[in-house]
């Protein structure tokens, strides 16, 4: 997974790069379909803003967090992105199962064949 880090009004230091890689690097284990993450870190007056964009399961995701501390903003941003992607993954996973109404139809069909076989023996 490729993580692209961009800084607006901010120099990307090694410690910032390491913090972003630690927080977002774990996502590869949970979501192996991610090919890249684009992280934008911005400083505006006393506000530190962290934003990430990615593409996952046919949909674009954006998570944005702001805080007084850049490292807290990075952590909050990673948590938001994980939550968004987990919800999408669960939706896709739940739709792949057989619907309950289809199960009822197949169960009714089995009951009819049992009744027909009992009538044949009567």
C-alpha atoms as a PDB file:
ATOM      1  CA  UNK A   1       0.000   0.000   0.000  1.00  0.00           C
ATOM      2  CA  UNK A   2       1.325   3.380  -0.990  1.00  0.00           C
ATOM      3  CA  UNK A   3       0.885   6.336   1.386  1.00  0.00           C
ATOM      4  CA  UNK A   4       1.356   9.772  -0.195  1.00  0.00           C
ATOM      5  CA  UNK A   5       1.833  12.565   2.356  1.00  0.00           C
ATOM      6  CA  UNK A   6       1.459  16.228   1.387  1.00  0.00           C
ATOM      7  CA  UNK A   7       1.912  19.209   3.679  1.00  0.00           C
ATOM      8  CA  UNK A   8       0.271  22.614   3.224  1.00  0.00           C
ATOM      9  CA  UNK A   9       2.081  25.352   5.162  1.00  0.00           C
ATOM     10  CA  UNK A  10       3.949  22.554   6.882  1.00  0.00           C
ATOM     11  CA  UNK A  11       7.229  20.689   6.448  1.00  0.00           C
ATOM     12  CA  UNK A  12       6.812  16.923   6.649  1.00  0.00           C
ATOM     13  CA  UNK A  13       9.347  15.755   9.219  1.00  0.00           C
ATOM     14  CA  UNK A  14      10.425  12.184   9.775  1.00  0.00           C
ATOM     15  CA  UNK A  15       8.387  11.952  12.995  1.00  0.00           C
ATOM     16  CA  UNK A  16       5.215  13.117  11.198  1.00  0.00           C
ATOM     17  CA  UNK A  17       5.831  10.615   8.394  1.00  0.00           C
ATOM     18  CA  UNK A  18       6.362   7.869  10.979  1.00  0.00           C
ATOM     19  CA  UNK A  19       3.135   8.786  12.843  1.00  0.00           C
ATOM     20  CA  UNK A  20       1.101   8.662   9.621  1.00  0.00           C
ATOM     21  CA  UNK A  21       2.662   5.340   8.579  1.00  0.00           C
ATOM     22  CA  UNK A  22       2.003   3.826  12.038  1.00  0.00           C
ATOM     23  CA  UNK A  23      -1.651   4.881  12.094  1.00  0.00           C
ATOM     24  CA  UNK A  24      -2.518   4.089   8.487  1.00  0.00           C
ATOM     25  CA  UNK A  25      -0.162   1.160   7.925  1.00  0.00           C
ATOM     26  CA  UNK A  26      -2.408  -1.069  10.039  1.00  0.00           C
ATOM     27  CA  UNK A  27      -5.242  -0.596   7.551  1.00  0.00           C
ATOM     28  CA  UNK A  28      -3.510  -2.883   5.053  1.00  0.00           C
ATOM     29  CA  UNK A  29      -4.209  -5.853   7.337  1.00  0.00           C
ATOM     30  CA  UNK A  30      -7.919  -5.057   7.701  1.00  0.00           C
ATOM     31  CA  UNK A  31      -8.547  -3.818   4.160  1.00  0.00           C
ATOM     32  CA  UNK A  32      -6.158  -5.549   1.734  1.00  0.00           C
ATOM     33  CA  UNK A  33      -7.907  -4.046  -1.344  1.00  0.00           C
ATOM     34  CA  UNK A  34      -6.516  -0.558  -0.671  1.00  0.00           C
ATOM     35  CA  UNK A  35      -3.820   0.386  -3.160  1.00  0.00           C
ATOM     36  CA  UNK A  36      -3.020   3.928  -2.012  1.00  0.00           C
ATOM     37  CA  UNK A  37      -3.841   6.590   0.559  1.00  0.00           C
ATOM     38  CA  UNK A  38      -3.437  10.318  -0.089  1.00  0.00           C
ATOM     39  CA  UNK A  39      -2.831  12.226   3.149  1.00  0.00           C
ATOM     40  CA  UNK A  40      -2.969  16.031   3.280  1.00  0.00           C
ATOM     41  CA  UNK A  41      -1.728  17.748   6.436  1.00  0.00           C
ATOM     42  CA  UNK A  42      -2.537  21.444   6.808  1.00  0.00           C
ATOM     43  CA  UNK A  43      -1.756  24.115   9.389  1.00  0.00           C
ATOM     44  CA  UNK A  44      -4.150  27.068   9.601  1.00  0.00           C
ATOM     45  CA  UNK A  45      -3.472  29.547  12.404  1.00  0.00           C
ATOM     46  CA  UNK A  46      -3.784  27.398  15.548  1.00  0.00           C
ATOM     47  CA  UNK A  47      -5.693  24.567  13.884  1.00  0.00           C
ATOM     48  CA  UNK A  48      -3.985  21.378  12.668  1.00  0.00           C
ATOM     49  CA  UNK A  49      -5.957  19.547   9.959  1.00  0.00           C
ATOM     50  CA  UNK A  50      -5.390  15.999   8.710  1.00  0.00           C
ATOM     51  CA  UNK A  51      -7.277  14.658   5.690  1.00  0.00           C
ATOM     52  CA  UNK A  52      -7.035  11.335   3.877  1.00  0.00           C
ATOM     53  CA  UNK A  53      -8.561  10.171   0.589  1.00  0.00           C
ATOM     54  CA  UNK A  54      -8.717   6.681  -0.848  1.00  0.00           C
ATOM     55  CA  UNK A  55     -10.713   4.414  -3.129  1.00  0.00           C
ATOM     56  CA  UNK A  56     -12.160   1.194  -1.671  1.00  0.00           C
ATOM     57  CA  UNK A  57     -14.727  -1.273  -3.088  1.00  0.00           C
ATOM     58  CA  UNK A  58     -15.829   1.065  -5.877  1.00  0.00           C
ATOM     59  CA  UNK A  59     -16.296   4.132  -3.704  1.00  0.00           C
ATOM     60  CA  UNK A  60     -14.149   7.153  -2.794  1.00  0.00           C
ATOM     61  CA  UNK A  61     -13.653   7.803   0.918  1.00  0.00           C
ATOM     62  CA  UNK A  62     -12.533  11.006   2.607  1.00  0.00           C
ATOM     63  CA  UNK A  63     -11.893  11.445   6.320  1.00  0.00           C
ATOM     64  CA  UNK A  64     -10.972  14.783   7.841  1.00  0.00           C
ATOM     65  CA  UNK A  65     -10.080  15.680  11.416  1.00  0.00           C
ATOM     66  CA  UNK A  66      -8.773  18.796  13.098  1.00  0.00           C
ATOM     67  CA  UNK A  67      -7.243  19.388  16.515  1.00  0.00           C
ATOM     68  CA  UNK A  68      -4.782  21.632  18.326  1.00  0.00           C
ATOM     69  CA  UNK A  69      -2.157  18.879  18.065  1.00  0.00           C
ATOM     70  CA  UNK A  70      -1.226  17.432  14.658  1.00  0.00           C
ATOM     71  CA  UNK A  71      -0.624  13.934  16.034  1.00  0.00           C
ATOM     72  CA  UNK A  72      -4.088  13.881  17.634  1.00  0.00           C
ATOM     73  CA  UNK A  73      -5.601  15.019  14.320  1.00  0.00           C
ATOM     74  CA  UNK A  74      -3.783  12.182  12.534  1.00  0.00           C
ATOM     75  CA  UNK A  75      -5.126   9.638  15.045  1.00  0.00           C
ATOM     76  CA  UNK A  76      -8.685  10.965  14.781  1.00  0.00           C
ATOM     77  CA  UNK A  77      -8.484  10.945  10.986  1.00  0.00           C
ATOM     78  CA  UNK A  78      -7.331   7.304  10.967  1.00  0.00           C
ATOM     79  CA  UNK A  79     -10.187   6.330  13.307  1.00  0.00           C
ATOM     80  CA  UNK A  80     -12.767   8.045  11.104  1.00  0.00           C
ATOM     81  CA  UNK A  81     -11.453   6.392   7.955  1.00  0.00           C
ATOM     82  CA  UNK A  82     -11.422   2.968   9.591  1.00  0.00           C
ATOM     83  CA  UNK A  83     -15.049   3.429  10.693  1.00  0.00           C
ATOM     84  CA  UNK A  84     -16.188   4.511   7.228  1.00  0.00           C
ATOM     85  CA  UNK A  85     -14.468   1.635   5.493  1.00  0.00           C
ATOM     86  CA  UNK A  86     -15.622  -0.925   8.065  1.00  0.00           C
ATOM     87  CA  UNK A  87     -19.255   0.107   7.489  1.00  0.00           C
ATOM     88  CA  UNK A  88     -18.824  -0.253   3.718  1.00  0.00           C
ATOM     89  CA  UNK A  89     -17.148  -3.641   4.117  1.00  0.00           C
ATOM     90  CA  UNK A  90     -19.995  -4.883   6.363  1.00  0.00           C
ATOM     91  CA  UNK A  91     -22.626  -3.676   3.877  1.00  0.00           C
ATOM     92  CA  UNK A  92     -20.944  -5.522   1.032  1.00  0.00           C
ATOM     93  CA  UNK A  93     -20.525  -8.603   3.181  1.00  0.00           C
ATOM     94  CA  UNK A  94     -24.167  -8.652   4.360  1.00  0.00           C
ATOM     95  CA  UNK A  95     -25.532  -8.366   0.821  1.00  0.00           C
ATOM     96  CA  UNK A  96     -23.668 -11.458  -0.310  1.00  0.00           C
ATOM     97  CA  UNK A  97     -25.712 -13.758   1.941  1.00  0.00           C
ATOM     98  CA  UNK A  98     -28.995 -15.338   0.908  1.00  0.00           C
ATOM     99  CA  UNK A  99     -31.999 -13.221   1.814  1.00  0.00           C
ATOM    100  CA  UNK A 100     -34.428 -14.537   4.467  1.00  0.00           C
ATOM    101  CA  UNK A 101     -37.427 -14.449   2.078  1.00  0.00           C
ATOM    102  CA  UNK A 102     -35.582 -16.818  -0.253  1.00  0.00           C
ATOM    103  CA  UNK A 103     -34.985 -19.183   2.661  1.00  0.00           C
ATOM    104  CA  UNK A 104     -38.713 -19.188   3.522  1.00  0.00           C
ATOM    105  CA  UNK A 105     -39.650 -19.974  -0.096  1.00  0.00           C
ATOM    106  CA  UNK A 106     -37.315 -22.940  -0.223  1.00  0.00           C
ATOM    107  CA  UNK A 107     -38.607 -24.213   3.155  1.00  0.00           C
ATOM    108  CA  UNK A 108     -42.228 -24.021   1.938  1.00  0.00           C
ATOM    109  CA  UNK A 109     -41.285 -26.011  -1.163  1.00  0.00           C
ATOM    110  CA  UNK A 110     -39.896 -28.808   1.017  1.00  0.00           C
ATOM    111  CA  UNK A 111     -43.114 -28.926   3.088  1.00  0.00           C
ATOM    112  CA  UNK A 112     -45.202 -29.375  -0.053  1.00  0.00           C
ATOM    113  CA  UNK A 113     -43.194 -32.334  -1.229  1.00  0.00           C
ATOM    114  CA  UNK A 114     -43.542 -34.016   2.175  1.00  0.00           C
ATOM    115  CA  UNK A 115     -47.343 -33.498   2.119  1.00  0.00           C
ATOM    116  CA  UNK A 116     -47.565 -34.860  -1.416  1.00  0.00           C
ATOM    117  CA  UNK A 117     -45.607 -37.976  -0.478  1.00  0.00           C
ATOM    118  CA  UNK A 118     -47.889 -38.605   2.547  1.00  0.00           C
ATOM    119  CA  UNK A 119     -50.984 -38.317   0.301  1.00  0.00           C
ATOM    120  CA  UNK A 120     -49.489 -40.801  -2.131  1.00  0.00           C
ATOM    121  CA  UNK A 121     -49.151 -43.416   0.617  1.00  0.00           C
ATOM    122  CA  UNK A 122     -52.695 -42.832   1.940  1.00  0.00           C
END
